[in-house]
Amino acid sequence: MLTLDKLPHLQVLKLKQNSYSGRKLACVCSCGFPELKVLHLKSICWLEEWTIGAGAMPKLGSIIVNPCAYWEKAS
C-alpha cells in the first residue's frame, strides 16, 4: 500500500482474494491516493482493521466491501 498510495493517476483499486494478507490496512499519509475514486475490497480474508488518515483519498466516492471474515467494525 505504501507504493500504491503514491500513484498519481490511480482512480480504481480492486484488492481481491489473496491480494493482501495482512491483518491491518492503513493509508495514513494526508496525500495518499490523490485521485482514487473507487476502492473495492473483496474477500480479504484476514483483514481486521482499516485506518484512513485525515486528507487521504480525497476524491473517493465509492467503497465496495465484500465479506471480510474477521472485520468486525469500521472506525
PDB file of N, CA and C in Angstrom:
ATOM      1  N   MET A   1       0.825  -1.193   0.000  1.00  0.00           N
ATOM      2  CA  MET A   1       0.000   0.000   0.000  1.00  0.00           C
ATOM      3  C   MET A   1       0.868   1.255   0.000  1.00  0.00           C
ATOM      4  N   LEU A   2       2.053   1.157   0.586  1.00  0.00           N
ATOM      5  CA  LEU A   2       2.934   2.326   0.627  1.00  0.00           C
ATOM      6  C   LEU A   2       3.351   2.773  -0.763  1.00  0.00           C
ATOM      7  N   THR A   3       3.418   1.863  -1.703  1.00  0.00           N
ATOM      8  CA  THR A   3       3.764   2.210  -3.076  1.00  0.00           C
ATOM      9  C   THR A   3       2.523   2.653  -3.847  1.00  0.00           C
ATOM     10  N   LEU A   4       1.439   1.926  -3.679  1.00  0.00           N
ATOM     11  CA  LEU A   4       0.211   2.229  -4.424  1.00  0.00           C
ATOM     12  C   LEU A   4      -0.349   3.604  -4.110  1.00  0.00           C
ATOM     13  N   ASP A   5      -0.248   4.032  -2.850  1.00  0.00           N
ATOM     14  CA  ASP A   5      -0.879   5.308  -2.488  1.00  0.00           C
ATOM     15  C   ASP A   5      -0.200   6.518  -3.092  1.00  0.00           C
ATOM     16  N   LYS A   6       0.968   6.305  -3.703  1.00  0.00           N
ATOM     17  CA  LYS A   6       1.684   7.419  -4.320  1.00  0.00           C
ATOM     18  C   LYS A   6       1.495   7.481  -5.841  1.00  0.00           C
ATOM     19  N   LEU A   7       0.751   6.549  -6.409  1.00  0.00           N
ATOM     20  CA  LEU A   7       0.497   6.579  -7.847  1.00  0.00           C
ATOM     21  C   LEU A   7      -0.436   7.746  -8.149  1.00  0.00           C
ATOM     22  N   PRO A   8       0.033   8.744  -8.887  1.00  0.00           N
ATOM     23  CA  PRO A   8      -0.708   9.990  -9.041  1.00  0.00           C
ATOM     24  C   PRO A   8      -1.995   9.900  -9.861  1.00  0.00           C
ATOM     25  N   HIS A   9      -2.132   8.869 -10.688  1.00  0.00           N
ATOM     26  CA  HIS A   9      -3.297   8.799 -11.574  1.00  0.00           C
ATOM     27  C   HIS A   9      -4.201   7.600 -11.280  1.00  0.00           C
ATOM     28  N   LEU A  10      -3.949   6.869 -10.219  1.00  0.00           N
ATOM     29  CA  LEU A  10      -4.752   5.697  -9.874  1.00  0.00           C
ATOM     30  C   LEU A  10      -6.165   6.128  -9.478  1.00  0.00           C
ATOM     31  N   GLN A  11      -7.174   5.639 -10.205  1.00  0.00           N
ATOM     32  CA  GLN A  11      -8.553   6.030  -9.937  1.00  0.00           C
ATOM     33  C   GLN A  11      -9.404   4.878  -9.406  1.00  0.00           C
ATOM     34  N   VAL A  12      -9.051   3.642  -9.754  1.00  0.00           N
ATOM     35  CA  VAL A  12      -9.799   2.471  -9.306  1.00  0.00           C
ATOM     36  C   VAL A  12      -8.804   1.462  -8.749  1.00  0.00           C
ATOM     37  N   LEU A  13      -9.062   0.978  -7.537  1.00  0.00           N
ATOM     38  CA  LEU A  13      -8.210  -0.033  -6.915  1.00  0.00           C
ATOM     39  C   LEU A  13      -9.089  -1.179  -6.456  1.00  0.00           C
ATOM     40  N   LYS A  14      -8.817  -2.377  -6.974  1.00  0.00           N
ATOM     41  CA  LYS A  14      -9.550  -3.574  -6.582  1.00  0.00           C
ATOM     42  C   LYS A  14      -8.564  -4.532  -5.933  1.00  0.00           C
ATOM     43  N   LEU A  15      -8.779  -4.793  -4.660  1.00  0.00           N
ATOM     44  CA  LEU A  15      -7.994  -5.791  -3.944  1.00  0.00           C
ATOM     45  C   LEU A  15      -8.891  -6.997  -3.776  1.00  0.00           C
ATOM     46  N   LYS A  16      -8.543  -8.066  -4.456  1.00  0.00           N
ATOM     47  CA  LYS A  16      -9.385  -9.254  -4.444  1.00  0.00           C
ATOM     48  C   LYS A  16      -8.722 -10.365  -3.659  1.00  0.00           C
ATOM     49  N   GLN A  17      -9.395 -11.477  -3.589  1.00  0.00           N
ATOM     50  CA  GLN A  17      -8.992 -12.637  -2.812  1.00  0.00           C
ATOM     51  C   GLN A  17      -7.489 -12.903  -2.899  1.00  0.00           C
ATOM     52  N   ASN A  18      -6.864 -13.001  -1.747  1.00  0.00           N
ATOM     53  CA  ASN A  18      -5.435 -13.306  -1.583  1.00  0.00           C
ATOM     54  C   ASN A  18      -4.496 -12.221  -2.117  1.00  0.00           C
ATOM     55  N   SER A  19      -4.995 -11.052  -2.442  1.00  0.00           N
ATOM     56  CA  SER A  19      -4.114  -9.992  -2.923  1.00  0.00           C
ATOM     57  C   SER A  19      -3.475  -9.214  -1.774  1.00  0.00           C
ATOM     58  N   TYR A  20      -4.041  -9.349  -0.577  1.00  0.00           N
ATOM     59  CA  TYR A  20      -3.493  -8.693   0.610  1.00  0.00           C
ATOM     60  C   TYR A  20      -3.656  -9.656   1.772  1.00  0.00           C
ATOM     61  N   SER A  21      -2.553  -9.969   2.453  1.00  0.00           N
ATOM     62  CA  SER A  21      -2.621 -10.979   3.504  1.00  0.00           C
ATOM     63  C   SER A  21      -2.425 -10.414   4.907  1.00  0.00           C
ATOM     64  N   GLY A  22      -2.279  -9.107   5.033  1.00  0.00           N
ATOM     65  CA  GLY A  22      -2.093  -8.512   6.351  1.00  0.00           C
ATOM     66  C   GLY A  22      -3.381  -8.427   7.141  1.00  0.00           C
ATOM     67  N   ARG A  23      -3.249  -8.190   8.432  1.00  0.00           N
ATOM     68  CA  ARG A  23      -4.413  -8.035   9.307  1.00  0.00           C
ATOM     69  C   ARG A  23      -4.826  -6.568   9.419  1.00  0.00           C
ATOM     70  N   LYS A  24      -3.899  -5.662   9.104  1.00  0.00           N
ATOM     71  CA  LYS A  24      -4.184  -4.233   9.188  1.00  0.00           C
ATOM     72  C   LYS A  24      -3.870  -3.582   7.847  1.00  0.00           C
ATOM     73  N   LEU A  25      -4.730  -2.664   7.452  1.00  0.00           N
ATOM     74  CA  LEU A  25      -4.557  -1.918   6.215  1.00  0.00           C
ATOM     75  C   LEU A  25      -4.603  -0.449   6.591  1.00  0.00           C
ATOM     76  N   ALA A  26      -3.590   0.306   6.185  1.00  0.00           N
ATOM     77  CA  ALA A  26      -3.532   1.710   6.595  1.00  0.00           C
ATOM     78  C   ALA A  26      -3.154   2.609   5.433  1.00  0.00           C
ATOM     79  N   CYS A  27      -3.810   3.734   5.388  1.00  0.00           N
ATOM     80  CA  CYS A  27      -3.479   4.828   4.485  1.00  0.00           C
ATOM     81  C   CYS A  27      -3.517   6.081   5.342  1.00  0.00           C
ATOM     82  N   VAL A  28      -2.392   6.392   5.934  1.00  0.00           N
ATOM     83  CA  VAL A  28      -2.366   7.487   6.898  1.00  0.00           C
ATOM     84  C   VAL A  28      -1.722   8.755   6.352  1.00  0.00           C
ATOM     85  N   CYS A  29      -1.116   8.660   5.186  1.00  0.00           N
ATOM     86  CA  CYS A  29      -0.498   9.834   4.566  1.00  0.00           C
ATOM     87  C   CYS A  29      -1.592  10.784   4.083  1.00  0.00           C
ATOM     88  N   SER A  30      -1.481  12.042   4.407  1.00  0.00           N
ATOM     89  CA  SER A  30      -2.514  13.012   4.023  1.00  0.00           C
ATOM     90  C   SER A  30      -2.598  13.221   2.514  1.00  0.00           C
ATOM     91  N   CYS A  31      -1.587  12.782   1.780  1.00  0.00           N
ATOM     92  CA  CYS A  31      -1.612  12.938   0.317  1.00  0.00           C
ATOM     93  C   CYS A  31      -1.782  11.584  -0.374  1.00  0.00           C
ATOM     94  N   GLY A  32      -2.165  10.534   0.374  1.00  0.00           N
ATOM     95  CA  GLY A  32      -2.299   9.197  -0.183  1.00  0.00           C
ATOM     96  C   GLY A  32      -3.488   9.053  -1.111  1.00  0.00           C
ATOM     97  N   PHE A  33      -3.294   8.359  -2.204  1.00  0.00           N
ATOM     98  CA  PHE A  33      -4.337   8.090  -3.201  1.00  0.00           C
ATOM     99  C   PHE A  33      -5.050   9.372  -3.633  1.00  0.00           C
ATOM    100  N   PRO A  34      -4.333  10.320  -4.202  1.00  0.00           N
ATOM    101  CA  PRO A  34      -4.919  11.623  -4.509  1.00  0.00           C
ATOM    102  C   PRO A  34      -6.049  11.603  -5.538  1.00  0.00           C
ATOM    103  N   GLU A  35      -6.097  10.636  -6.442  1.00  0.00           N
ATOM    104  CA  GLU A  35      -7.129  10.594  -7.487  1.00  0.00           C
ATOM    105  C   GLU A  35      -8.061   9.394  -7.356  1.00  0.00           C
ATOM    106  N   LEU A  36      -7.906   8.584  -6.310  1.00  0.00           N
ATOM    107  CA  LEU A  36      -8.699   7.365  -6.176  1.00  0.00           C
ATOM    108  C   LEU A  36     -10.186   7.692  -6.038  1.00  0.00           C
ATOM    109  N   LYS A  37     -10.999   7.066  -6.889  1.00  0.00           N
ATOM    110  CA  LYS A  37     -12.438   7.296  -6.875  1.00  0.00           C
ATOM    111  C   LYS A  37     -13.212   6.059  -6.433  1.00  0.00           C
ATOM    112  N   VAL A  38     -12.666   4.862  -6.708  1.00  0.00           N
ATOM    113  CA  VAL A  38     -13.338   3.613  -6.376  1.00  0.00           C
ATOM    114  C   VAL A  38     -12.365   2.677  -5.678  1.00  0.00           C
ATOM    115  N   LEU A  39     -12.779   2.131  -4.533  1.00  0.00           N
ATOM    116  CA  LEU A  39     -11.999   1.134  -3.803  1.00  0.00           C
ATOM    117  C   LEU A  39     -12.876  -0.079  -3.604  1.00  0.00           C
ATOM    118  N   HIS A  40     -12.385  -1.234  -4.045  1.00  0.00           N
ATOM    119  CA  HIS A  40     -13.143  -2.481  -3.942  1.00  0.00           C
ATOM    120  C   HIS A  40     -12.289  -3.483  -3.171  1.00  0.00           C
ATOM    121  N   LEU A  41     -12.781  -3.905  -2.021  1.00  0.00           N
ATOM    122  CA  LEU A  41     -12.128  -4.943  -1.215  1.00  0.00           C
ATOM    123  C   LEU A  41     -12.992  -6.187  -1.288  1.00  0.00           C
ATOM    124  N   LYS A  42     -12.455  -7.264  -1.826  1.00  0.00           N
ATOM    125  CA  LYS A  42     -13.231  -8.487  -1.996  1.00  0.00           C
ATOM    126  C   LYS A  42     -12.505  -9.666  -1.378  1.00  0.00           C
ATOM    127  N   SER A  43     -13.126 -10.274  -0.395  1.00  0.00           N
ATOM    128  CA  SER A  43     -12.610 -11.495   0.240  1.00  0.00           C
ATOM    129  C   SER A  43     -11.167 -11.347   0.712  1.00  0.00           C
ATOM    130  N   ILE A  44     -10.889 -10.252   1.379  1.00  0.00           N
ATOM    131  CA  ILE A  44      -9.582 -10.066   2.001  1.00  0.00           C
ATOM    132  C   ILE A  44      -9.696 -10.746   3.364  1.00  0.00           C
ATOM    133  N   CYS A  45      -9.443 -12.034   3.378  1.00  0.00           N
ATOM    134  CA  CYS A  45      -9.832 -12.920   4.475  1.00  0.00           C
ATOM    135  C   CYS A  45      -9.313 -12.540   5.860  1.00  0.00           C
ATOM    136  N   TRP A  46      -8.112 -12.044   5.988  1.00  0.00           N
ATOM    137  CA  TRP A  46      -7.517 -11.835   7.310  1.00  0.00           C
ATOM    138  C   TRP A  46      -7.612 -10.392   7.787  1.00  0.00           C
ATOM    139  N   LEU A  47      -8.191  -9.516   7.014  1.00  0.00           N
ATOM    140  CA  LEU A  47      -8.263  -8.106   7.374  1.00  0.00           C
ATOM    141  C   LEU A  47      -9.127  -7.890   8.613  1.00  0.00           C
ATOM    142  N   GLU A  48      -8.553  -7.250   9.618  1.00  0.00           N
ATOM    143  CA  GLU A  48      -9.264  -6.953  10.862  1.00  0.00           C
ATOM    144  C   GLU A  48      -9.476  -5.452  11.050  1.00  0.00           C
ATOM    145  N   GLU A  49      -8.561  -4.656  10.529  1.00  0.00           N
ATOM    146  CA  GLU A  49      -8.587  -3.218  10.815  1.00  0.00           C
ATOM    147  C   GLU A  49      -8.183  -2.430   9.580  1.00  0.00           C
ATOM    148  N   TRP A  50      -8.872  -1.321   9.348  1.00  0.00           N
ATOM    149  CA  TRP A  50      -8.567  -0.442   8.221  1.00  0.00           C
ATOM    150  C   TRP A  50      -8.558   0.977   8.750  1.00  0.00           C
ATOM    151  N   THR A  51      -7.455   1.675   8.536  1.00  0.00           N
ATOM    152  CA  THR A  51      -7.283   3.038   9.031  1.00  0.00           C
ATOM    153  C   THR A  51      -7.028   3.976   7.863  1.00  0.00           C
ATOM    154  N   ILE A  52      -7.776   5.072   7.824  1.00  0.00           N
ATOM    155  CA  ILE A  52      -7.583   6.098   6.801  1.00  0.00           C
ATOM    156  C   ILE A  52      -7.312   7.412   7.517  1.00  0.00           C
ATOM    157  N   GLY A  53      -6.190   8.036   7.194  1.00  0.00           N
ATOM    158  CA  GLY A  53      -5.829   9.302   7.817  1.00  0.00           C
ATOM    159  C   GLY A  53      -6.599  10.475   7.230  1.00  0.00           C
ATOM    160  N   ALA A  54      -6.640  11.553   7.979  1.00  0.00           N
ATOM    161  CA  ALA A  54      -7.313  12.774   7.515  1.00  0.00           C
ATOM    162  C   ALA A  54      -6.652  13.272   6.241  1.00  0.00           C
ATOM    163  N   GLY A  55      -7.441  13.535   5.228  1.00  0.00           N
ATOM    164  CA  GLY A  55      -6.930  14.046   3.964  1.00  0.00           C
ATOM    165  C   GLY A  55      -6.577  12.978   2.945  1.00  0.00           C
ATOM    166  N   ALA A  56      -6.526  11.730   3.367  1.00  0.00           N
ATOM    167  CA  ALA A  56      -6.225  10.648   2.433  1.00  0.00           C
ATOM    168  C   ALA A  56      -7.458  10.348   1.590  1.00  0.00           C
ATOM    169  N   MET A  57      -7.246   9.913   0.382  1.00  0.00           N
ATOM    170  CA  MET A  57      -8.320   9.548  -0.544  1.00  0.00           C
ATOM    171  C   MET A  57      -9.364  10.661  -0.689  1.00  0.00           C
ATOM    172  N   PRO A  58      -8.958  11.866  -1.029  1.00  0.00           N
ATOM    173  CA  PRO A  58      -9.883  12.993  -1.058  1.00  0.00           C
ATOM    174  C   PRO A  58     -10.991  12.899  -2.103  1.00  0.00           C
ATOM    175  N   LYS A  59     -10.809  12.109  -3.160  1.00  0.00           N
ATOM    176  CA  LYS A  59     -11.817  12.019  -4.222  1.00  0.00           C
ATOM    177  C   LYS A  59     -12.597  10.709  -4.187  1.00  0.00           C
ATOM    178  N   LEU A  60     -12.409   9.919  -3.133  1.00  0.00           N
ATOM    179  CA  LEU A  60     -13.080   8.630  -3.041  1.00  0.00           C
ATOM    180  C   LEU A  60     -14.591   8.815  -2.998  1.00  0.00           C
ATOM    181  N   GLY A  61     -15.278   8.173  -3.926  1.00  0.00           N
ATOM    182  CA  GLY A  61     -16.718   8.308  -3.999  1.00  0.00           C
ATOM    183  C   GLY A  61     -17.448   6.992  -3.828  1.00  0.00           C
ATOM    184  N   SER A  62     -16.724   5.864  -3.956  1.00  0.00           N
ATOM    185  CA  SER A  62     -17.368   4.567  -3.877  1.00  0.00           C
ATOM    186  C   SER A  62     -16.444   3.565  -3.186  1.00  0.00           C
ATOM    187  N   ILE A  63     -16.989   2.912  -2.162  1.00  0.00           N
ATOM    188  CA  ILE A  63     -16.268   1.837  -1.471  1.00  0.00           C
ATOM    189  C   ILE A  63     -17.150   0.600  -1.541  1.00  0.00           C
ATOM    190  N   ILE A  64     -16.584  -0.477  -2.032  1.00  0.00           N
ATOM    191  CA  ILE A  64     -17.296  -1.747  -2.107  1.00  0.00           C
ATOM    192  C   ILE A  64     -16.523  -2.729  -1.244  1.00  0.00           C
ATOM    193  N   VAL A  65     -17.186  -3.282  -0.229  1.00  0.00           N
ATOM    194  CA  VAL A  65     -16.529  -4.239   0.655  1.00  0.00           C
ATOM    195  C   VAL A  65     -17.344  -5.522   0.655  1.00  0.00           C
ATOM    196  N   ASN A  66     -16.755  -6.559   0.121  1.00  0.00           N
ATOM    197  CA  ASN A  66     -17.360  -7.880   0.187  1.00  0.00           C
ATOM    198  C   ASN A  66     -16.841  -8.549   1.447  1.00  0.00           C
ATOM    199  N   PRO A  67     -17.497  -9.575   1.920  1.00  0.00           N
ATOM    200  CA  PRO A  67     -17.190 -10.129   3.239  1.00  0.00           C
ATOM    201  C   PRO A  67     -15.696 -10.321   3.534  1.00  0.00           C
ATOM    202  N   CYS A  68     -15.338  -9.776   4.680  1.00  0.00           N
ATOM    203  CA  CYS A  68     -14.016  -9.985   5.258  1.00  0.00           C
ATOM    204  C   CYS A  68     -14.298 -10.701   6.583  1.00  0.00           C
ATOM    205  N   ALA A  69     -13.918 -11.938   6.703  1.00  0.00           N
ATOM    206  CA  ALA A  69     -14.324 -12.796   7.806  1.00  0.00           C
ATOM    207  C   ALA A  69     -14.027 -12.219   9.191  1.00  0.00           C
ATOM    208  N   TYR A  70     -12.933 -11.507   9.348  1.00  0.00           N
ATOM    209  CA  TYR A  70     -12.522 -11.054  10.678  1.00  0.00           C
ATOM    210  C   TYR A  70     -12.805  -9.574  10.930  1.00  0.00           C
ATOM    211  N   TRP A  71     -13.397  -8.912   9.991  1.00  0.00           N
ATOM    212  CA  TRP A  71     -13.650  -7.477  10.121  1.00  0.00           C
ATOM    213  C   TRP A  71     -14.927  -7.257  10.915  1.00  0.00           C
ATOM    214  N   GLU A  72     -14.795  -6.703  12.084  1.00  0.00           N
ATOM    215  CA  GLU A  72     -15.951  -6.545  12.965  1.00  0.00           C
ATOM    216  C   GLU A  72     -16.626  -5.186  12.821  1.00  0.00           C
ATOM    217  N   LYS A  73     -15.841  -4.119  12.753  1.00  0.00           N
ATOM    218  CA  LYS A  73     -16.450  -2.801  12.633  1.00  0.00           C
ATOM    219  C   LYS A  73     -15.461  -1.830  12.012  1.00  0.00           C
ATOM    220  N   ALA A  74     -15.967  -0.806  11.397  1.00  0.00           N
ATOM    221  CA  ALA A  74     -15.135   0.245  10.832  1.00  0.00           C
ATOM    222  C   ALA A  74     -15.111   1.393  11.814  1.00  0.00           C
ATOM    223  N   SER A  75     -13.967   2.045  11.910  1.00  0.00           N
ATOM    224  CA  SER A  75     -13.892   3.222  12.790  1.00  0.00           C
ATOM    225  C   SER A  75     -13.041   4.289  12.185  1.00  0.00           C
TER     226      SER A  75
END
